[in-house]
Amino acid sequence: MPTAHLSSTLSELERRVLDLDVAAPLVLTARELDALLADPAYHSSLGHPPHATHYRRSLGDGRGLHLVIDADGCAALHWDRYDPHGSPAGMLMHLLTDSPRETIALFAAGSAVLRRLGE
């Protein structure tokens, strides 16, 4: 997807990430991580892996930037096709296309709970 209409609001680092394939992580230096965390456009979020700290930035075209900080402090930034914070439809599409493993896990957990309730 073109990033021209977003380029004035994105940092060089963010533009580089959007030029990568979807979900391809760009490993960050400590300085790059600090710069992203200082940007109020990034909001605390959930994601995979569950033990990591997650932040997301919504983009005007429906996509989203996803910052993942592992427990050991290693950080990476990637983009998702759909921003789960953009709308209920965006969340559904994100679960179906960007994070299908988590969707399967959620359905399995929900199914287990329903089975227990039915006993």
N, C-alpha and C. Protein backbone atom coordinates (compact mmCIF):
# COMPACT_ATOMS: atom_id res chain seq x y z
N MET A 1 0.83 -1.18 0.00
CA MET A 1 0.00 0.00 0.00
C MET A 1 0.87 1.24 0.00
N PRO A 2 0.47 2.25 -0.71
CA PRO A 2 1.28 3.46 -0.73
C PRO A 2 1.28 4.15 0.63
N THR A 3 2.40 4.76 0.94
CA THR A 3 2.51 5.48 2.21
C THR A 3 2.64 6.98 2.01
N ALA A 4 2.48 7.45 0.78
CA ALA A 4 2.69 8.87 0.48
C ALA A 4 1.80 9.78 1.33
N HIS A 5 0.51 9.44 1.48
CA HIS A 5 -0.38 10.31 2.24
C HIS A 5 -0.10 10.25 3.73
N LEU A 6 0.64 9.27 4.19
CA LEU A 6 0.98 9.16 5.60
C LEU A 6 2.37 9.71 5.90
N SER A 7 3.17 9.91 4.87
CA SER A 7 4.59 10.19 5.08
C SER A 7 4.87 11.43 5.92
N SER A 8 4.00 12.42 5.86
CA SER A 8 4.28 13.64 6.62
C SER A 8 4.08 13.45 8.12
N THR A 9 3.35 12.44 8.52
CA THR A 9 3.10 12.21 9.94
C THR A 9 3.92 11.06 10.51
N LEU A 10 4.65 10.36 9.67
CA LEU A 10 5.41 9.20 10.12
C LEU A 10 6.90 9.51 10.16
N SER A 11 7.58 8.86 11.08
CA SER A 11 9.03 9.00 11.15
C SER A 11 9.67 8.16 10.03
N GLU A 12 10.92 8.40 9.79
CA GLU A 12 11.66 7.61 8.80
C GLU A 12 11.62 6.13 9.17
N LEU A 13 11.76 5.83 10.43
CA LEU A 13 11.70 4.45 10.90
C LEU A 13 10.36 3.81 10.58
N GLU A 14 9.28 4.51 10.85
CA GLU A 14 7.94 3.98 10.57
C GLU A 14 7.73 3.77 9.07
N ARG A 15 8.23 4.68 8.26
CA ARG A 15 8.12 4.52 6.81
C ARG A 15 8.90 3.30 6.33
N ARG A 16 10.07 3.07 6.93
CA ARG A 16 10.86 1.88 6.57
C ARG A 16 10.09 0.61 6.90
N VAL A 17 9.43 0.58 8.05
CA VAL A 17 8.66 -0.61 8.44
C VAL A 17 7.53 -0.86 7.45
N LEU A 18 6.85 0.21 7.03
CA LEU A 18 5.74 0.05 6.09
C LEU A 18 6.20 -0.40 4.71
N ASP A 19 7.47 -0.25 4.41
CA ASP A 19 8.01 -0.75 3.15
C ASP A 19 8.33 -2.24 3.21
N LEU A 20 8.33 -2.82 4.42
CA LEU A 20 8.58 -4.25 4.58
C LEU A 20 7.29 -5.03 4.34
N ASP A 21 7.43 -6.34 4.24
CA ASP A 21 6.24 -7.20 4.14
C ASP A 21 5.43 -7.09 5.42
N VAL A 22 4.14 -7.36 5.32
CA VAL A 22 3.28 -7.34 6.49
C VAL A 22 3.84 -8.27 7.56
N ALA A 23 3.84 -7.81 8.80
CA ALA A 23 4.29 -8.55 9.99
C ALA A 23 5.80 -8.81 10.02
N ALA A 24 6.56 -8.34 9.02
CA ALA A 24 8.02 -8.51 9.05
C ALA A 24 8.59 -7.57 10.11
N PRO A 25 9.25 -8.11 11.12
CA PRO A 25 9.72 -7.25 12.21
C PRO A 25 11.00 -6.50 11.86
N LEU A 26 11.07 -5.28 12.31
CA LEU A 26 12.29 -4.49 12.23
C LEU A 26 12.80 -4.35 13.65
N VAL A 27 13.96 -4.96 13.94
CA VAL A 27 14.53 -4.91 15.28
C VAL A 27 15.01 -3.49 15.54
N LEU A 28 14.70 -2.99 16.73
CA LEU A 28 14.97 -1.60 17.07
C LEU A 28 16.17 -1.46 18.00
N THR A 29 16.85 -0.34 17.86
CA THR A 29 17.88 0.03 18.81
C THR A 29 17.19 0.66 20.03
N ALA A 30 17.93 0.82 21.11
CA ALA A 30 17.37 1.46 22.31
C ALA A 30 16.92 2.88 22.00
N ARG A 31 17.67 3.60 21.19
CA ARG A 31 17.31 4.98 20.82
C ARG A 31 16.01 5.01 20.00
N GLU A 32 15.89 4.09 19.05
CA GLU A 32 14.67 4.02 18.23
C GLU A 32 13.46 3.68 19.10
N LEU A 33 13.64 2.75 20.02
CA LEU A 33 12.55 2.38 20.92
C LEU A 33 12.13 3.57 21.77
N ASP A 34 13.08 4.27 22.33
CA ASP A 34 12.76 5.45 23.16
C ASP A 34 11.98 6.49 22.36
N ALA A 35 12.38 6.70 21.11
CA ALA A 35 11.68 7.68 20.26
C ALA A 35 10.23 7.27 20.02
N LEU A 36 10.00 5.99 19.76
CA LEU A 36 8.63 5.53 19.53
C LEU A 36 7.79 5.62 20.81
N LEU A 37 8.37 5.25 21.94
CA LEU A 37 7.63 5.31 23.20
C LEU A 37 7.31 6.74 23.60
N ALA A 38 8.09 7.70 23.14
CA ALA A 38 7.83 9.11 23.44
C ALA A 38 6.70 9.68 22.58
N ASP A 39 6.35 8.98 21.52
CA ASP A 39 5.30 9.44 20.60
C ASP A 39 3.93 9.11 21.19
N PRO A 40 3.09 10.11 21.45
CA PRO A 40 1.77 9.84 22.05
C PRO A 40 0.82 9.08 21.13
N ALA A 41 1.19 8.87 19.87
CA ALA A 41 0.34 8.10 18.96
C ALA A 41 0.35 6.61 19.31
N TYR A 42 1.34 6.17 20.08
CA TYR A 42 1.42 4.76 20.47
C TYR A 42 0.66 4.54 21.77
N HIS A 43 -0.22 3.53 21.75
CA HIS A 43 -1.06 3.23 22.90
C HIS A 43 -0.82 1.79 23.35
N SER A 44 -0.89 1.57 24.64
CA SER A 44 -0.74 0.23 25.21
C SER A 44 -1.78 -0.70 24.59
N SER A 45 -1.38 -1.96 24.35
CA SER A 45 -2.25 -2.90 23.67
C SER A 45 -1.94 -4.32 24.14
N LEU A 46 -2.60 -5.26 23.51
CA LEU A 46 -2.35 -6.68 23.73
C LEU A 46 -1.79 -7.26 22.45
N GLY A 47 -1.22 -8.46 22.55
CA GLY A 47 -0.72 -9.11 21.36
C GLY A 47 0.05 -10.36 21.69
N HIS A 48 0.69 -10.87 20.66
CA HIS A 48 1.49 -12.09 20.79
C HIS A 48 2.95 -11.71 20.66
N PRO A 49 3.82 -12.23 21.46
CA PRO A 49 3.62 -13.18 22.54
C PRO A 49 3.02 -12.51 23.77
N PRO A 50 2.27 -13.27 24.57
CA PRO A 50 1.57 -12.68 25.71
C PRO A 50 2.49 -12.14 26.80
N HIS A 51 3.72 -12.64 26.90
CA HIS A 51 4.64 -12.16 27.94
C HIS A 51 5.33 -10.85 27.57
N ALA A 52 5.13 -10.38 26.36
CA ALA A 52 5.76 -9.14 25.90
C ALA A 52 4.85 -7.94 26.22
N THR A 53 5.43 -6.76 26.12
CA THR A 53 4.67 -5.51 26.24
C THR A 53 4.37 -5.02 24.82
N HIS A 54 3.15 -4.59 24.60
CA HIS A 54 2.70 -4.22 23.25
C HIS A 54 2.17 -2.80 23.22
N TYR A 55 2.50 -2.12 22.12
CA TYR A 55 1.97 -0.78 21.83
C TYR A 55 1.55 -0.76 20.37
N ARG A 56 0.52 0.01 20.08
CA ARG A 56 0.04 0.12 18.69
C ARG A 56 -0.18 1.59 18.33
N ARG A 57 0.02 1.83 17.04
CA ARG A 57 -0.29 3.14 16.47
C ARG A 57 -1.25 2.93 15.31
N SER A 58 -2.39 3.58 15.36
CA SER A 58 -3.37 3.50 14.28
C SER A 58 -2.93 4.38 13.12
N LEU A 59 -3.14 3.89 11.92
CA LEU A 59 -2.84 4.66 10.72
C LEU A 59 -4.15 5.02 10.03
N GLY A 60 -4.19 6.12 9.36
CA GLY A 60 -5.42 6.61 8.74
C GLY A 60 -6.01 5.73 7.65
N ASP A 61 -5.22 4.79 7.15
CA ASP A 61 -5.71 3.92 6.07
C ASP A 61 -6.23 2.58 6.57
N GLY A 62 -6.38 2.41 7.89
CA GLY A 62 -6.91 1.17 8.44
C GLY A 62 -5.85 0.20 8.94
N ARG A 63 -4.60 0.43 8.53
CA ARG A 63 -3.52 -0.42 9.02
C ARG A 63 -3.07 0.06 10.39
N GLY A 64 -2.14 -0.69 10.98
CA GLY A 64 -1.62 -0.29 12.27
C GLY A 64 -0.17 -0.69 12.42
N LEU A 65 0.56 0.07 13.20
CA LEU A 65 1.93 -0.27 13.57
C LEU A 65 1.88 -0.96 14.92
N HIS A 66 2.65 -2.02 15.08
CA HIS A 66 2.64 -2.83 16.31
C HIS A 66 4.06 -2.92 16.84
N LEU A 67 4.26 -2.35 18.02
CA LEU A 67 5.55 -2.35 18.70
C LEU A 67 5.51 -3.44 19.77
N VAL A 68 6.48 -4.36 19.71
CA VAL A 68 6.56 -5.49 20.63
C VAL A 68 7.88 -5.41 21.39
N ILE A 69 7.79 -5.39 22.72
CA ILE A 69 8.98 -5.35 23.57
C ILE A 69 9.00 -6.63 24.39
N ASP A 70 9.96 -7.50 24.11
CA ASP A 70 10.07 -8.75 24.85
C ASP A 70 10.50 -8.51 26.29
N ALA A 71 10.31 -9.51 27.12
CA ALA A 71 10.68 -9.40 28.53
C ALA A 71 12.16 -9.09 28.71
N ASP A 72 13.00 -9.49 27.75
CA ASP A 72 14.44 -9.23 27.84
C ASP A 72 14.81 -7.84 27.33
N GLY A 73 13.82 -7.05 26.93
CA GLY A 73 14.07 -5.69 26.46
C GLY A 73 14.27 -5.55 24.96
N CYS A 74 14.38 -6.66 24.24
CA CYS A 74 14.49 -6.59 22.77
C CYS A 74 13.17 -6.09 22.21
N ALA A 75 13.26 -5.18 21.25
CA ALA A 75 12.05 -4.57 20.68
C ALA A 75 12.07 -4.66 19.17
N ALA A 76 10.87 -4.78 18.61
CA ALA A 76 10.71 -4.82 17.15
C ALA A 76 9.40 -4.14 16.79
N LEU A 77 9.37 -3.59 15.60
CA LEU A 77 8.19 -2.91 15.08
C LEU A 77 7.79 -3.58 13.77
N HIS A 78 6.49 -3.83 13.60
CA HIS A 78 5.97 -4.33 12.33
C HIS A 78 4.62 -3.67 12.07
N TRP A 79 4.08 -3.91 10.88
CA TRP A 79 2.76 -3.36 10.58
C TRP A 79 1.78 -4.50 10.36
N ASP A 80 0.53 -4.22 10.68
CA ASP A 80 -0.57 -5.16 10.49
C ASP A 80 -1.51 -4.64 9.43
N ARG A 81 -2.12 -5.55 8.70
CA ARG A 81 -3.06 -5.16 7.65
C ARG A 81 -4.25 -4.38 8.22
N TYR A 82 -4.68 -4.79 9.42
CA TYR A 82 -5.85 -4.18 10.04
C TYR A 82 -5.51 -3.76 11.46
N ASP A 83 -5.91 -2.56 11.81
CA ASP A 83 -5.69 -2.04 13.15
C ASP A 83 -6.81 -2.53 14.06
N PRO A 84 -6.49 -3.34 15.08
CA PRO A 84 -7.55 -3.85 15.95
C PRO A 84 -8.21 -2.78 16.81
N HIS A 85 -7.60 -1.61 16.93
CA HIS A 85 -8.18 -0.53 17.71
C HIS A 85 -9.00 0.42 16.85
N GLY A 86 -9.01 0.21 15.53
CA GLY A 86 -9.69 1.13 14.63
C GLY A 86 -11.20 1.04 14.66
N SER A 87 -11.72 -0.17 14.75
CA SER A 87 -13.17 -0.39 14.73
C SER A 87 -13.44 -1.85 15.07
N PRO A 88 -14.68 -2.20 15.39
CA PRO A 88 -14.98 -3.62 15.61
C PRO A 88 -14.67 -4.46 14.37
N ALA A 89 -14.96 -3.93 13.19
CA ALA A 89 -14.64 -4.67 11.96
C ALA A 89 -13.13 -4.82 11.81
N GLY A 90 -12.38 -3.77 12.16
CA GLY A 90 -10.92 -3.84 12.10
C GLY A 90 -10.38 -4.89 13.05
N MET A 91 -10.98 -4.98 14.24
CA MET A 91 -10.54 -5.99 15.20
C MET A 91 -10.81 -7.39 14.66
N LEU A 92 -12.00 -7.60 14.12
CA LEU A 92 -12.33 -8.91 13.56
C LEU A 92 -11.39 -9.27 12.42
N MET A 93 -11.17 -8.34 11.50
CA MET A 93 -10.28 -8.61 10.37
C MET A 93 -8.85 -8.84 10.85
N HIS A 94 -8.42 -8.11 11.88
CA HIS A 94 -7.08 -8.32 12.44
C HIS A 94 -6.96 -9.74 12.98
N LEU A 95 -7.96 -10.17 13.73
CA LEU A 95 -7.92 -11.53 14.29
C LEU A 95 -7.91 -12.59 13.20
N LEU A 96 -8.65 -12.36 12.14
CA LEU A 96 -8.75 -13.37 11.07
C LEU A 96 -7.53 -13.39 10.16
N THR A 97 -6.90 -12.23 9.93
CA THR A 97 -5.81 -12.20 8.94
C THR A 97 -4.43 -11.99 9.55
N ASP A 98 -4.33 -11.13 10.56
CA ASP A 98 -3.02 -10.80 11.12
C ASP A 98 -2.62 -11.70 12.27
N SER A 99 -3.57 -12.27 12.97
CA SER A 99 -3.24 -13.10 14.14
C SER A 99 -4.14 -14.33 14.23
N PRO A 100 -4.13 -15.17 13.20
CA PRO A 100 -5.02 -16.34 13.21
C PRO A 100 -4.72 -17.32 14.35
N ARG A 101 -3.46 -17.43 14.79
CA ARG A 101 -3.16 -18.34 15.90
C ARG A 101 -3.90 -17.92 17.17
N GLU A 102 -3.93 -16.63 17.43
CA GLU A 102 -4.63 -16.14 18.61
C GLU A 102 -6.13 -16.38 18.49
N THR A 103 -6.66 -16.25 17.29
CA THR A 103 -8.08 -16.48 17.06
C THR A 103 -8.43 -17.93 17.36
N ILE A 104 -7.61 -18.85 16.87
CA ILE A 104 -7.83 -20.27 17.12
C ILE A 104 -7.77 -20.56 18.62
N ALA A 105 -6.79 -19.96 19.30
CA ALA A 105 -6.66 -20.16 20.74
C ALA A 105 -7.89 -19.62 21.48
N LEU A 106 -8.39 -18.44 21.06
CA LEU A 106 -9.58 -17.88 21.69
C LEU A 106 -10.80 -18.77 21.48
N PHE A 107 -10.97 -19.28 20.27
CA PHE A 107 -12.10 -20.17 20.01
C PHE A 107 -11.97 -21.46 20.81
N ALA A 108 -10.77 -22.00 20.91
CA ALA A 108 -10.56 -23.22 21.70
C ALA A 108 -10.88 -22.99 23.16
N ALA A 109 -10.43 -21.86 23.70
CA ALA A 109 -10.71 -21.55 25.10
C ALA A 109 -12.21 -21.34 25.32
N GLY A 110 -12.84 -20.62 24.41
CA GLY A 110 -14.29 -20.41 24.51
C GLY A 110 -15.06 -21.70 24.43
N SER A 111 -14.63 -22.58 23.55
CA SER A 111 -15.27 -23.88 23.41
C SER A 111 -15.12 -24.70 24.68
N ALA A 112 -13.95 -24.68 25.28
CA ALA A 112 -13.72 -25.41 26.53
C ALA A 112 -14.61 -24.87 27.65
N VAL A 113 -14.74 -23.56 27.73
CA VAL A 113 -15.60 -22.96 28.75
C VAL A 113 -17.06 -23.37 28.53
N LEU A 114 -17.51 -23.31 27.29
CA LEU A 114 -18.89 -23.70 26.99
C LEU A 114 -19.15 -25.17 27.30
N ARG A 115 -18.18 -26.03 27.01
CA ARG A 115 -18.31 -27.45 27.33
C ARG A 115 -18.44 -27.64 28.84
N ARG A 116 -17.62 -26.92 29.60
CA ARG A 116 -17.66 -27.01 31.08
C ARG A 116 -19.01 -26.53 31.60
N LEU A 117 -19.50 -25.43 31.04
CA LEU A 117 -20.79 -24.91 31.48
C LEU A 117 -21.93 -25.86 31.16
N GLY A 118 -21.78 -26.62 30.07
CA GLY A 118 -22.81 -27.56 29.65
C GLY A 118 -22.81 -28.85 30.43
N GLU A 119 -21.79 -29.09 31.22
CA GLU A 119 -21.71 -30.34 31.99
C GLU A 119 -22.64 -30.33 33.17
